[in-house]
Amino acid sequence: MVELLYIVAKDRPDLAATLGRDFRGEDAVRIVVDRRAAERRRQEPRGTADERRRGADRRRAAQDRRDLGILGYVRIVRSDA
């Protein structure tokens, strides 16, 4: 099953309402408002063994932040397969 998750910027309640109306009754679509106050990752020296986010994950997170700022939302497609 495929599920769509829309994360909407907290300063765009109008967009969250519009998406909510557009996808009303769609069980496979969730719309949530971004609740983050700030970046939660603590700063660690580069090259430490605890560095978990690498490569594609880091690029995806940066793209998501840009989309949230420019478009007002991020769309994430989740699949069981």
N, C-alpha and C. Protein backbone atom coordinates (compact mmCIF):
# COMPACT_ATOMS: atom_id res chain seq x y z
N MET A 1 0.83 -1.18 0.00
CA MET A 1 0.00 0.00 0.00
C MET A 1 0.88 1.25 0.00
N VAL A 2 0.49 2.23 -0.76
CA VAL A 2 1.23 3.49 -0.83
C VAL A 2 0.49 4.53 0.02
N GLU A 3 1.25 5.27 0.80
CA GLU A 3 0.68 6.34 1.62
C GLU A 3 1.41 7.63 1.30
N LEU A 4 0.65 8.71 1.20
CA LEU A 4 1.24 10.03 1.00
C LEU A 4 1.19 10.79 2.30
N LEU A 5 2.30 11.40 2.66
CA LEU A 5 2.40 12.23 3.85
C LEU A 5 2.79 13.62 3.40
N TYR A 6 1.99 14.61 3.72
CA TYR A 6 2.30 16.01 3.43
C TYR A 6 2.66 16.68 4.74
N ILE A 7 3.85 17.24 4.81
CA ILE A 7 4.27 18.03 5.96
C ILE A 7 4.20 19.48 5.51
N VAL A 8 3.37 20.27 6.19
CA VAL A 8 3.11 21.64 5.79
C VAL A 8 3.84 22.59 6.75
N ALA A 9 4.43 23.65 6.20
CA ALA A 9 5.13 24.65 7.02
C ALA A 9 4.16 25.26 8.03
N LYS A 10 4.66 25.48 9.24
CA LYS A 10 3.76 25.97 10.30
C LYS A 10 3.23 27.37 10.02
N ASP A 11 3.88 28.12 9.15
CA ASP A 11 3.39 29.46 8.82
C ASP A 11 2.43 29.44 7.63
N ARG A 12 1.97 28.25 7.22
CA ARG A 12 1.05 28.11 6.09
C ARG A 12 -0.22 27.33 6.47
N PRO A 13 -0.96 27.80 7.48
CA PRO A 13 -2.20 27.09 7.85
C PRO A 13 -3.22 27.07 6.71
N ASP A 14 -3.17 28.07 5.84
CA ASP A 14 -4.07 28.09 4.68
C ASP A 14 -3.82 26.90 3.76
N LEU A 15 -2.56 26.57 3.57
CA LEU A 15 -2.20 25.45 2.71
C LEU A 15 -2.62 24.13 3.35
N ALA A 16 -2.44 24.01 4.66
CA ALA A 16 -2.86 22.80 5.37
C ALA A 16 -4.37 22.61 5.22
N ALA A 17 -5.13 23.69 5.33
CA ALA A 17 -6.59 23.61 5.19
C ALA A 17 -6.98 23.22 3.77
N THR A 18 -6.31 23.80 2.78
CA THR A 18 -6.61 23.48 1.38
C THR A 18 -6.31 22.01 1.08
N LEU A 19 -5.16 21.54 1.51
CA LEU A 19 -4.82 20.13 1.29
C LEU A 19 -5.81 19.22 2.02
N GLY A 20 -6.21 19.62 3.22
CA GLY A 20 -7.19 18.84 3.96
C GLY A 20 -8.51 18.70 3.21
N ARG A 21 -8.95 19.79 2.58
CA ARG A 21 -10.18 19.73 1.78
C ARG A 21 -9.97 18.89 0.53
N ASP A 22 -8.84 19.09 -0.14
CA ASP A 22 -8.57 18.36 -1.38
C ASP A 22 -8.51 16.85 -1.18
N PHE A 23 -7.99 16.41 -0.04
CA PHE A 23 -7.80 14.98 0.20
C PHE A 23 -8.77 14.41 1.22
N ARG A 24 -9.84 15.11 1.51
CA ARG A 24 -10.85 14.62 2.46
C ARG A 24 -11.36 13.26 2.00
N GLY A 25 -11.40 12.34 2.93
CA GLY A 25 -11.90 11.00 2.62
C GLY A 25 -10.86 10.06 2.06
N GLU A 26 -9.68 10.53 1.79
CA GLU A 26 -8.58 9.69 1.27
C GLU A 26 -7.83 9.08 2.46
N ASP A 27 -8.01 7.79 2.68
CA ASP A 27 -7.38 7.13 3.82
C ASP A 27 -5.85 7.05 3.70
N ALA A 28 -5.35 7.07 2.50
CA ALA A 28 -3.91 6.90 2.28
C ALA A 28 -3.14 8.22 2.29
N VAL A 29 -3.81 9.32 2.66
CA VAL A 29 -3.15 10.63 2.68
C VAL A 29 -3.24 11.21 4.08
N ARG A 30 -2.08 11.61 4.62
CA ARG A 30 -2.03 12.29 5.91
C ARG A 30 -1.42 13.66 5.72
N ILE A 31 -1.96 14.65 6.41
CA ILE A 31 -1.45 16.01 6.35
C ILE A 31 -1.14 16.43 7.78
N VAL A 32 0.12 16.82 8.00
CA VAL A 32 0.54 17.27 9.32
C VAL A 32 1.26 18.60 9.19
N VAL A 33 1.16 19.41 10.23
CA VAL A 33 1.85 20.70 10.25
C VAL A 33 3.19 20.48 10.96
N ASP A 34 4.25 21.03 10.38
CA ASP A 34 5.59 20.92 10.94
C ASP A 34 5.60 21.53 12.34
N ARG A 35 6.03 20.76 13.33
CA ARG A 35 6.04 21.24 14.71
C ARG A 35 7.43 21.55 15.23
N ARG A 36 8.43 21.35 14.40
CA ARG A 36 9.80 21.57 14.88
C ARG A 36 10.03 23.03 15.20
N ALA A 37 10.75 23.27 16.29
CA ALA A 37 11.09 24.64 16.69
C ALA A 37 12.45 25.04 16.09
N ALA A 38 13.35 24.07 16.01
CA ALA A 38 14.69 24.34 15.48
C ALA A 38 15.32 23.01 15.11
N GLU A 39 16.46 23.07 14.47
CA GLU A 39 17.20 21.87 14.12
C GLU A 39 17.61 21.17 15.41
N ARG A 40 17.27 19.88 15.54
CA ARG A 40 17.52 19.16 16.79
C ARG A 40 18.88 18.49 16.85
N ARG A 41 19.51 18.31 15.74
CA ARG A 41 20.81 17.62 15.77
C ARG A 41 21.84 18.44 16.51
N ARG A 42 22.52 17.82 17.43
CA ARG A 42 23.58 18.53 18.13
C ARG A 42 24.82 18.53 17.24
N GLN A 43 25.61 19.53 17.37
CA GLN A 43 26.82 19.63 16.56
C GLN A 43 27.91 18.75 17.16
N GLU A 44 28.50 17.91 16.33
CA GLU A 44 29.59 17.03 16.75
C GLU A 44 30.77 17.28 15.83
N PRO A 45 31.95 17.03 16.32
CA PRO A 45 33.12 17.19 15.46
C PRO A 45 33.00 16.29 14.24
N ARG A 46 33.47 16.76 13.10
CA ARG A 46 33.39 15.97 11.86
C ARG A 46 34.25 14.72 12.00
N GLY A 47 33.74 13.64 11.40
CA GLY A 47 34.50 12.40 11.37
C GLY A 47 34.31 11.53 12.59
N THR A 48 33.36 11.86 13.47
CA THR A 48 33.17 11.01 14.64
C THR A 48 32.42 9.75 14.26
N ALA A 49 32.58 8.73 15.06
CA ALA A 49 31.93 7.44 14.78
C ALA A 49 30.41 7.53 14.95
N ASP A 50 29.93 8.53 15.69
CA ASP A 50 28.49 8.67 15.94
C ASP A 50 27.74 9.33 14.79
N GLU A 51 28.44 9.75 13.77
CA GLU A 51 27.77 10.40 12.63
C GLU A 51 26.92 9.37 11.92
N ARG A 52 25.59 9.51 11.99
CA ARG A 52 24.69 8.50 11.43
C ARG A 52 24.09 8.91 10.10
N ARG A 53 23.91 10.17 9.87
CA ARG A 53 23.25 10.60 8.64
C ARG A 53 24.31 10.88 7.59
N ARG A 54 24.29 10.11 6.55
CA ARG A 54 25.30 10.26 5.50
C ARG A 54 24.65 10.30 4.13
N GLY A 55 25.40 10.76 3.16
CA GLY A 55 25.04 10.67 1.76
C GLY A 55 23.63 11.09 1.41
N ALA A 56 22.86 10.16 0.85
CA ALA A 56 21.52 10.44 0.33
C ALA A 56 20.58 10.96 1.41
N ASP A 57 20.69 10.44 2.65
CA ASP A 57 19.83 10.92 3.73
C ASP A 57 20.05 12.40 3.99
N ARG A 58 21.28 12.81 4.00
CA ARG A 58 21.60 14.21 4.27
C ARG A 58 21.10 15.09 3.12
N ARG A 59 21.30 14.65 1.88
CA ARG A 59 20.82 15.43 0.73
C ARG A 59 19.31 15.51 0.73
N ARG A 60 18.63 14.42 1.09
CA ARG A 60 17.17 14.41 1.13
C ARG A 60 16.66 15.41 2.18
N ALA A 61 17.28 15.43 3.35
CA ALA A 61 16.87 16.34 4.41
C ALA A 61 17.04 17.80 3.97
N ALA A 62 18.13 18.10 3.29
CA ALA A 62 18.37 19.46 2.80
C ALA A 62 17.32 19.84 1.76
N GLN A 63 16.99 18.93 0.85
CA GLN A 63 15.97 19.20 -0.16
C GLN A 63 14.61 19.40 0.49
N ASP A 64 14.29 18.59 1.49
CA ASP A 64 13.02 18.74 2.20
C ASP A 64 12.91 20.10 2.87
N ARG A 65 14.00 20.58 3.48
CA ARG A 65 13.97 21.91 4.11
C ARG A 65 13.76 23.00 3.07
N ARG A 66 14.39 22.86 1.90
CA ARG A 66 14.19 23.85 0.83
C ARG A 66 12.75 23.83 0.34
N ASP A 67 12.19 22.64 0.12
CA ASP A 67 10.80 22.54 -0.33
C ASP A 67 9.85 23.14 0.69
N LEU A 68 10.10 22.88 1.96
CA LEU A 68 9.23 23.40 3.01
C LEU A 68 9.26 24.93 3.00
N GLY A 69 10.43 25.50 2.78
CA GLY A 69 10.56 26.96 2.74
C GLY A 69 10.00 27.58 1.47
N ILE A 70 10.20 26.93 0.34
CA ILE A 70 9.79 27.50 -0.95
C ILE A 70 8.34 27.15 -1.28
N LEU A 71 8.00 25.88 -1.21
CA LEU A 71 6.66 25.42 -1.59
C LEU A 71 5.65 25.52 -0.45
N GLY A 72 6.16 25.45 0.77
CA GLY A 72 5.27 25.46 1.93
C GLY A 72 4.91 24.06 2.38
N TYR A 73 5.38 23.05 1.68
CA TYR A 73 5.11 21.67 2.07
C TYR A 73 6.18 20.73 1.53
N VAL A 74 6.23 19.55 2.12
CA VAL A 74 7.06 18.45 1.65
C VAL A 74 6.13 17.26 1.47
N ARG A 75 6.23 16.59 0.33
CA ARG A 75 5.43 15.39 0.08
C ARG A 75 6.33 14.17 0.18
N ILE A 76 5.94 13.24 1.01
CA ILE A 76 6.70 12.02 1.21
C ILE A 76 5.83 10.84 0.81
N VAL A 77 6.35 10.00 -0.07
CA VAL A 77 5.64 8.81 -0.51
C VAL A 77 6.20 7.64 0.28
N ARG A 78 5.31 6.96 0.97
CA ARG A 78 5.70 5.79 1.76
C ARG A 78 5.04 4.57 1.18
N SER A 79 5.81 3.49 1.11
CA SER A 79 5.29 2.26 0.52
C SER A 79 5.66 1.07 1.39
N ASP A 80 4.79 0.09 1.45
CA ASP A 80 5.07 -1.14 2.20
C ASP A 80 6.04 -2.03 1.44
N ALA A 81 6.08 -1.89 0.15
CA ALA A 81 6.90 -2.78 -0.68
C ALA A 81 8.36 -2.45 -0.60
